[in-house]
Amino acid sequence: MKIYLASANVDEIQWANGRRLIDGVLTTHGLVRDEDPSSERSQLLDVCHASQGPIFLTVHALTAADVYRDGRELAKLSDRVVVQVPFIEDAFEAIHRLTADGVAVAATLIFSVAQAFLAARAGAVSVIVPLDDLAIAGHDAVALLRELRAAFDASGCEADIIALRPTNAAEFAACAAVGVDAVAVGTDVLRALLLHPLTDRGVDRFLQELSKRHVSWSIV
């Protein structure tokens, strides 16, 4: 299972890359705006330079013509860009056209198996399922991921399933258990995944034991 960092902060991306914790970066309009609202293109270029894997960037449009235009422009920023397109009826044609032009497209706002299949049929290489939105609406996000994984495997569908924004280690583990292809997590969640109370307790014990020992080194 791949891990993408949901961030547009260059320092966060470099921190995660430096520790080899991530396989790529996924951004949203909000994340980019939080970093540099005055120059989005410049910020996106910085993100592309900081990332060592795929960079998921979102179009600014909903109509077919505008989605296609935005997607083409975003794809020019890097050959590793995957254009995120909200999966609505008007964008269906744009996904076809972008895919025909060789632009990798990820369909966002996927909340059902039917939507995921249609997005893949249109040419999307990934379908992105927002777990937090499903939870707020009272749906079982993990159950949907499990159903989607089974359906894709049974039909031979090759589009990647990306679980967006699992909020804790338990949800992260559940995503891995059902076999999603990738998760996209924020920096806070990624840092939290490194921690466990028992690990902290074990480190304290290790330091206590180490302080009681006299270690001498000799060179032969």
C-alpha atoms as a PDB file:
ATOM      1  CA  MET A   1       0.000   0.000   0.000  1.00  0.00           C
ATOM      2  CA  LYS A   2       1.389   3.370  -1.019  1.00  0.00           C
ATOM      3  CA  ILE A   3       1.292   6.407   1.245  1.00  0.00           C
ATOM      4  CA  TYR A   4       0.704   9.890  -0.125  1.00  0.00           C
ATOM      5  CA  LEU A   5       1.132  13.012   1.958  1.00  0.00           C
ATOM      6  CA  ALA A   6      -1.895  15.308   1.829  1.00  0.00           C
ATOM      7  CA  SER A   7       0.001  18.572   1.996  1.00  0.00           C
ATOM      8  CA  ALA A   8       1.220  21.546  -0.009  1.00  0.00           C
ATOM      9  CA  ASN A   9       3.859  22.506   2.549  1.00  0.00           C
ATOM     10  CA  VAL A  10       7.346  22.063   1.113  1.00  0.00           C
ATOM     11  CA  ASP A  11       8.981  21.583   4.528  1.00  0.00           C
ATOM     12  CA  GLU A  12       6.500  18.833   5.414  1.00  0.00           C
ATOM     13  CA  ILE A  13       7.048  17.117   2.083  1.00  0.00           C
ATOM     14  CA  GLN A  14      10.824  17.241   2.484  1.00  0.00           C
ATOM     15  CA  TRP A  15      10.563  15.910   6.048  1.00  0.00           C
ATOM     16  CA  ALA A  16       8.475  12.930   4.896  1.00  0.00           C
ATOM     17  CA  ASN A  17      10.635  12.313   1.827  1.00  0.00           C
ATOM     18  CA  GLY A  18      13.809  12.468   3.887  1.00  0.00           C
ATOM     19  CA  ARG A  19      12.531   9.620   6.062  1.00  0.00           C
ATOM     20  CA  ARG A  20      11.186   7.695   3.063  1.00  0.00           C
ATOM     21  CA  LEU A  21       7.719   7.656   4.599  1.00  0.00           C
ATOM     22  CA  ILE A  22       5.783   8.610   1.466  1.00  0.00           C
ATOM     23  CA  ASP A  23       5.445   7.658  -2.168  1.00  0.00           C
ATOM     24  CA  GLY A  24       4.024  10.948  -3.410  1.00  0.00           C
ATOM     25  CA  VAL A  25       1.968  14.034  -2.605  1.00  0.00           C
ATOM     26  CA  LEU A  26      -1.725  14.833  -2.876  1.00  0.00           C
ATOM     27  CA  THR A  27      -2.872  18.452  -2.705  1.00  0.00           C
ATOM     28  CA  THR A  28      -6.189  20.274  -2.562  1.00  0.00           C
ATOM     29  CA  HIS A  29      -7.141  23.886  -3.245  1.00  0.00           C
ATOM     30  CA  GLY A  30      -7.409  24.520   0.475  1.00  0.00           C
ATOM     31  CA  LEU A  31      -3.963  23.093   1.231  1.00  0.00           C
ATOM     32  CA  VAL A  32      -2.339  25.181  -1.496  1.00  0.00           C
ATOM     33  CA  ARG A  33      -4.215  28.324  -0.457  1.00  0.00           C
ATOM     34  CA  ASP A  34      -3.063  27.880   3.132  1.00  0.00           C
ATOM     35  CA  GLU A  35       0.565  27.983   1.985  1.00  0.00           C
ATOM     36  CA  ASP A  36       0.630  30.775  -0.594  1.00  0.00           C
ATOM     37  CA  PRO A  37      -2.703  32.296  -1.641  1.00  0.00           C
ATOM     38  CA  SER A  38      -0.957  34.954  -3.741  1.00  0.00           C
ATOM     39  CA  SER A  39       0.789  32.622  -6.186  1.00  0.00           C
ATOM     40  CA  GLU A  40      -0.712  29.168  -6.546  1.00  0.00           C
ATOM     41  CA  ARG A  41       1.299  28.246  -9.616  1.00  0.00           C
ATOM     42  CA  SER A  42       4.557  29.062  -7.850  1.00  0.00           C
ATOM     43  CA  GLN A  43       3.502  26.993  -4.847  1.00  0.00           C
ATOM     44  CA  LEU A  44       2.562  24.042  -7.047  1.00  0.00           C
ATOM     45  CA  LEU A  45       5.937  24.202  -8.785  1.00  0.00           C
ATOM     46  CA  ASP A  46       7.650  24.124  -5.391  1.00  0.00           C
ATOM     47  CA  VAL A  47       5.567  21.079  -4.448  1.00  0.00           C
ATOM     48  CA  CYS A  48       6.531  19.352  -7.705  1.00  0.00           C
ATOM     49  CA  HIS A  49      10.216  20.009  -7.054  1.00  0.00           C
ATOM     50  CA  ALA A  50       9.969  18.781  -3.454  1.00  0.00           C
ATOM     51  CA  SER A  51       8.133  15.560  -4.262  1.00  0.00           C
ATOM     52  CA  GLN A  52       9.922  12.472  -5.533  1.00  0.00           C
ATOM     53  CA  GLY A  53       6.808  10.597  -6.639  1.00  0.00           C
ATOM     54  CA  PRO A  54       3.410  11.310  -8.170  1.00  0.00           C
ATOM     55  CA  ILE A  55       1.888  14.729  -7.449  1.00  0.00           C
ATOM     56  CA  PHE A  56      -1.911  14.880  -7.389  1.00  0.00           C
ATOM     57  CA  LEU A  57      -3.122  18.380  -8.359  1.00  0.00           C
ATOM     58  CA  THR A  58      -6.733  19.528  -8.619  1.00  0.00           C
ATOM     59  CA  VAL A  59      -8.441  21.398 -11.453  1.00  0.00           C
ATOM     60  CA  HIS A  60     -10.243  24.671 -10.760  1.00  0.00           C
ATOM     61  CA  ALA A  61     -13.288  23.925 -12.880  1.00  0.00           C
ATOM     62  CA  LEU A  62     -16.427  21.839 -13.202  1.00  0.00           C
ATOM     63  CA  THR A  63     -17.459  22.225 -16.857  1.00  0.00           C
ATOM     64  CA  ALA A  64     -15.990  19.854 -19.435  1.00  0.00           C
ATOM     65  CA  ALA A  65     -14.107  22.483 -21.439  1.00  0.00           C
ATOM     66  CA  ASP A  66     -12.646  24.187 -18.375  1.00  0.00           C
ATOM     67  CA  VAL A  67     -11.684  20.908 -16.686  1.00  0.00           C
ATOM     68  CA  TYR A  68      -9.868  19.862 -19.845  1.00  0.00           C
ATOM     69  CA  ARG A  69      -8.065  23.211 -20.103  1.00  0.00           C
ATOM     70  CA  ASP A  70      -7.036  23.211 -16.435  1.00  0.00           C
ATOM     71  CA  GLY A  71      -5.944  19.593 -16.612  1.00  0.00           C
ATOM     72  CA  ARG A  72      -3.689  20.282 -19.583  1.00  0.00           C
ATOM     73  CA  GLU A  73      -2.104  23.257 -17.804  1.00  0.00           C
ATOM     74  CA  LEU A  74      -1.505  21.310 -14.594  1.00  0.00           C
ATOM     75  CA  ALA A  75       0.074  18.435 -16.509  1.00  0.00           C
ATOM     76  CA  LYS A  76       2.684  20.857 -17.888  1.00  0.00           C
ATOM     77  CA  LEU A  77       4.095  21.466 -14.393  1.00  0.00           C
ATOM     78  CA  SER A  78       5.690  18.017 -14.187  1.00  0.00           C
ATOM     79  CA  ASP A  79       5.589  14.670 -15.947  1.00  0.00           C
ATOM     80  CA  ARG A  80       4.664  13.180 -12.544  1.00  0.00           C
ATOM     81  CA  VAL A  81       1.436  15.167 -12.190  1.00  0.00           C
ATOM     82  CA  VAL A  82      -1.830  13.272 -11.782  1.00  0.00           C
ATOM     83  CA  VAL A  83      -4.758  15.601 -12.439  1.00  0.00           C
ATOM     84  CA  GLN A  84      -7.568  15.337  -9.902  1.00  0.00           C
ATOM     85  CA  VAL A  85     -11.019  15.830 -11.411  1.00  0.00           C
ATOM     86  CA  PRO A  86     -14.289  15.897  -9.419  1.00  0.00           C
ATOM     87  CA  PHE A  87     -16.360  13.017 -10.766  1.00  0.00           C
ATOM     88  CA  ILE A  88     -19.490  14.722 -12.025  1.00  0.00           C
ATOM     89  CA  GLU A  89     -21.362  14.273 -15.279  1.00  0.00           C
ATOM     90  CA  ASP A  90     -19.946  17.420 -16.895  1.00  0.00           C
ATOM     91  CA  ALA A  91     -16.377  16.269 -16.239  1.00  0.00           C
ATOM     92  CA  PHE A  92     -16.838  12.837 -17.829  1.00  0.00           C
ATOM     93  CA  GLU A  93     -15.931  14.060 -21.318  1.00  0.00           C
ATOM     94  CA  ALA A  94     -12.887  15.904 -19.977  1.00  0.00           C
ATOM     95  CA  ILE A  95     -11.546  12.750 -18.328  1.00  0.00           C
ATOM     96  CA  HIS A  96     -11.839  10.944 -21.669  1.00  0.00           C
ATOM     97  CA  ARG A  97     -10.029  13.749 -23.506  1.00  0.00           C
ATOM     98  CA  LEU A  98      -7.255  14.155 -20.951  1.00  0.00           C
ATOM     99  CA  THR A  99      -6.650  10.413 -20.882  1.00  0.00           C
ATOM    100  CA  ALA A 100      -6.521  10.332 -24.688  1.00  0.00           C
ATOM    101  CA  ASP A 101      -3.869  13.067 -24.519  1.00  0.00           C
ATOM    102  CA  GLY A 102      -1.755  10.964 -22.178  1.00  0.00           C
ATOM    103  CA  VAL A 103      -2.597  12.907 -19.010  1.00  0.00           C
ATOM    104  CA  ALA A 104      -3.023  10.766 -15.889  1.00  0.00           C
ATOM    105  CA  VAL A 105      -6.359  11.499 -14.205  1.00  0.00           C
ATOM    106  CA  ALA A 106      -7.637  10.665 -10.728  1.00  0.00           C
ATOM    107  CA  ALA A 107     -11.366  10.903 -10.108  1.00  0.00           C
ATOM    108  CA  THR A 108     -12.207  12.572  -6.805  1.00  0.00           C
ATOM    109  CA  LEU A 109     -15.405  12.612  -4.736  1.00  0.00           C
ATOM    110  CA  ILE A 110     -16.047   8.909  -5.245  1.00  0.00           C
ATOM    111  CA  PHE A 111     -18.651   7.614  -2.786  1.00  0.00           C
ATOM    112  CA  SER A 112     -19.972   4.438  -4.412  1.00  0.00           C
ATOM    113  CA  VAL A 113     -18.833   1.398  -6.355  1.00  0.00           C
ATOM    114  CA  ALA A 114     -20.892   2.541  -9.341  1.00  0.00           C
ATOM    115  CA  GLN A 115     -19.135   5.912  -9.462  1.00  0.00           C
ATOM    116  CA  ALA A 116     -15.747   4.211  -9.182  1.00  0.00           C
ATOM    117  CA  PHE A 117     -16.495   1.874 -12.098  1.00  0.00           C
ATOM    118  CA  LEU A 118     -17.710   4.702 -14.323  1.00  0.00           C
ATOM    119  CA  ALA A 119     -14.657   6.793 -13.472  1.00  0.00           C
ATOM    120  CA  ALA A 120     -12.359   3.908 -14.398  1.00  0.00           C
ATOM    121  CA  ARG A 121     -14.339   3.375 -17.587  1.00  0.00           C
ATOM    122  CA  ALA A 122     -13.761   7.020 -18.477  1.00  0.00           C
ATOM    123  CA  GLY A 123     -10.029   6.445 -18.133  1.00  0.00           C
ATOM    124  CA  ALA A 124      -9.189   7.474 -14.562  1.00  0.00           C
ATOM    125  CA  VAL A 125      -6.068   5.728 -13.272  1.00  0.00           C
ATOM    126  CA  SER A 126      -7.158   6.268  -9.658  1.00  0.00           C
ATOM    127  CA  VAL A 127     -10.397   6.743  -7.745  1.00  0.00           C
ATOM    128  CA  ILE A 128     -10.214   8.776  -4.534  1.00  0.00           C
ATOM    129  CA  VAL A 129     -12.599   8.004  -1.685  1.00  0.00           C
ATOM    130  CA  PRO A 130     -12.798  10.711   1.062  1.00  0.00           C
ATOM    131  CA  LEU A 131     -13.194   8.757   4.298  1.00  0.00           C
ATOM    132  CA  ASP A 132     -13.958  11.774   6.479  1.00  0.00           C
ATOM    133  CA  ASP A 133     -16.847  12.912   4.277  1.00  0.00           C
ATOM    134  CA  LEU A 134     -18.360   9.416   4.397  1.00  0.00           C
ATOM    135  CA  ALA A 135     -18.053   9.313   8.184  1.00  0.00           C
ATOM    136  CA  ILE A 136     -19.707  12.715   8.584  1.00  0.00           C
ATOM    137  CA  ALA A 137     -22.608  11.490   6.449  1.00  0.00           C
ATOM    138  CA  GLY A 138     -22.961   8.401   8.657  1.00  0.00           C
ATOM    139  CA  HIS A 139     -21.601   5.856   6.173  1.00  0.00           C
ATOM    140  CA  ASP A 140     -19.214   3.009   6.890  1.00  0.00           C
ATOM    141  CA  ALA A 141     -16.176   4.060   4.871  1.00  0.00           C
ATOM    142  CA  VAL A 142     -14.216   0.861   5.431  1.00  0.00           C
ATOM    143  CA  ALA A 143     -17.177  -1.253   4.299  1.00  0.00           C
ATOM    144  CA  LEU A 144     -17.317   0.749   1.065  1.00  0.00           C
ATOM    145  CA  LEU A 145     -13.584   0.270   0.504  1.00  0.00           C
ATOM    146  CA  ARG A 146     -13.949  -3.462   1.085  1.00  0.00           C
ATOM    147  CA  GLU A 147     -16.846  -3.656  -1.395  1.00  0.00           C
ATOM    148  CA  LEU A 148     -14.936  -1.575  -3.935  1.00  0.00           C
ATOM    149  CA  ARG A 149     -11.807  -3.733  -3.623  1.00  0.00           C
ATOM    150  CA  ALA A 150     -13.810  -6.917  -4.137  1.00  0.00           C
ATOM    151  CA  ALA A 151     -15.647  -5.461  -7.133  1.00  0.00           C
ATOM    152  CA  PHE A 152     -12.482  -4.198  -8.824  1.00  0.00           C
ATOM    153  CA  ASP A 153     -10.705  -7.520  -8.283  1.00  0.00           C
ATOM    154  CA  ALA A 154     -13.649  -9.524  -9.592  1.00  0.00           C
ATOM    155  CA  SER A 155     -13.938  -7.421 -12.740  1.00  0.00           C
ATOM    156  CA  GLY A 156     -10.237  -6.980 -13.420  1.00  0.00           C
ATOM    157  CA  CYS A 157     -10.435  -3.193 -13.068  1.00  0.00           C
ATOM    158  CA  GLU A 158      -6.901  -1.795 -12.796  1.00  0.00           C
ATOM    159  CA  ALA A 159      -7.632   1.682 -11.410  1.00  0.00           C
ATOM    160  CA  ASP A 160      -6.015   2.359  -8.044  1.00  0.00           C
ATOM    161  CA  ILE A 161      -8.219   2.838  -4.988  1.00  0.00           C
ATOM    162  CA  ILE A 162      -6.994   5.730  -2.836  1.00  0.00           C
ATOM    163  CA  ALA A 163      -8.425   6.223   0.649  1.00  0.00           C
ATOM    164  CA  LEU A 164      -8.293   9.914   1.469  1.00  0.00           C
ATOM    165  CA  ARG A 165      -7.767  11.220   4.997  1.00  0.00           C
ATOM    166  CA  PRO A 166      -7.890   8.279   7.420  1.00  0.00           C
ATOM    167  CA  THR A 167      -7.777  10.081  10.755  1.00  0.00           C
ATOM    168  CA  ASN A 168      -5.935   7.640  13.012  1.00  0.00           C
ATOM    169  CA  ALA A 169      -3.872   4.461  13.154  1.00  0.00           C
ATOM    170  CA  ALA A 170      -6.940   2.229  13.369  1.00  0.00           C
ATOM    171  CA  GLU A 171      -8.442   3.632  10.157  1.00  0.00           C
ATOM    172  CA  PHE A 172      -5.047   3.458   8.483  1.00  0.00           C
ATOM    173  CA  ALA A 173      -4.737  -0.216   9.435  1.00  0.00           C
ATOM    174  CA  ALA A 174      -8.290  -0.908   8.235  1.00  0.00           C
ATOM    175  CA  CYS A 175      -7.451   0.593   4.833  1.00  0.00           C
ATOM    176  CA  ALA A 176      -4.412  -1.668   4.574  1.00  0.00           C
ATOM    177  CA  ALA A 177      -6.441  -4.700   5.650  1.00  0.00           C
ATOM    178  CA  VAL A 178      -9.073  -4.282   2.932  1.00  0.00           C
ATOM    179  CA  GLY A 179      -6.368  -3.893   0.287  1.00  0.00           C
ATOM    180  CA  VAL A 180      -6.586  -0.321  -0.959  1.00  0.00           C
ATOM    181  CA  ASP A 181      -3.760   0.678  -3.251  1.00  0.00           C
ATOM    182  CA  ALA A 182      -2.907   3.882  -1.392  1.00  0.00           C
ATOM    183  CA  VAL A 183      -3.857   6.172   1.457  1.00  0.00           C
ATOM    184  CA  ALA A 184      -3.438   9.948   1.596  1.00  0.00           C
ATOM    185  CA  VAL A 185      -2.833  11.327   5.076  1.00  0.00           C
ATOM    186  CA  GLY A 186      -2.062  14.716   6.552  1.00  0.00           C
ATOM    187  CA  THR A 187       1.260  15.406   8.216  1.00  0.00           C
ATOM    188  CA  ASP A 188      -0.217  15.302  11.723  1.00  0.00           C
ATOM    189  CA  VAL A 189      -1.678  11.853  11.111  1.00  0.00           C
ATOM    190  CA  LEU A 190       1.529  10.610   9.500  1.00  0.00           C
ATOM    191  CA  ARG A 191       3.549  11.737  12.521  1.00  0.00           C
ATOM    192  CA  ALA A 192       0.998  10.117  14.844  1.00  0.00           C
ATOM    193  CA  LEU A 193       1.394   6.799  13.026  1.00  0.00           C
ATOM    194  CA  LEU A 194       4.997   6.724  14.219  1.00  0.00           C
ATOM    195  CA  LEU A 195       3.935   6.817  17.854  1.00  0.00           C
ATOM    196  CA  HIS A 196       2.537   4.337  20.369  1.00  0.00           C
ATOM    197  CA  PRO A 197       2.362   4.563  24.196  1.00  0.00           C
ATOM    198  CA  LEU A 198       4.086   1.217  24.570  1.00  0.00           C
ATOM    199  CA  THR A 199       6.932   2.394  22.378  1.00  0.00           C
ATOM    200  CA  ASP A 200       7.377   5.442  24.604  1.00  0.00           C
ATOM    201  CA  ARG A 201       7.338   3.208  27.664  1.00  0.00           C
ATOM    202  CA  GLY A 202       9.888   0.894  26.085  1.00  0.00           C
ATOM    203  CA  VAL A 203      12.182   3.803  25.247  1.00  0.00           C
ATOM    204  CA  ASP A 204      11.997   5.049  28.846  1.00  0.00           C
ATOM    205  CA  ARG A 205      12.926   1.574  30.091  1.00  0.00           C
ATOM    206  CA  PHE A 206      15.746   1.355  27.580  1.00  0.00           C
ATOM    207  CA  LEU A 207      17.185   4.687  28.734  1.00  0.00           C
ATOM    208  CA  GLN A 208      16.906   3.667  32.387  1.00  0.00           C
ATOM    209  CA  GLU A 209      18.718   0.411  31.745  1.00  0.00           C
ATOM    210  CA  LEU A 210      21.345   2.162  29.675  1.00  0.00           C
ATOM    211  CA  SER A 211      22.034   4.696  32.417  1.00  0.00           C
ATOM    212  CA  LYS A 212      22.783   1.855  34.885  1.00  0.00           C
ATOM    213  CA  ARG A 213      25.360   0.243  32.696  1.00  0.00           C
ATOM    214  CA  HIS A 214      28.944   1.230  32.351  1.00  0.00           C
ATOM    215  CA  VAL A 215      29.903   0.596  28.771  1.00  0.00           C
ATOM    216  CA  SER A 216      33.572   0.616  27.900  1.00  0.00           C
ATOM    217  CA  TRP A 217      34.936   0.442  24.432  1.00  0.00           C
ATOM    218  CA  SER A 218      38.289  -0.903  23.484  1.00  0.00           C
ATOM    219  CA  ILE A 219      40.036  -0.922  20.209  1.00  0.00           C
ATOM    220  CA  VAL A 220      41.889  -4.083  19.307  1.00  0.00           C
END
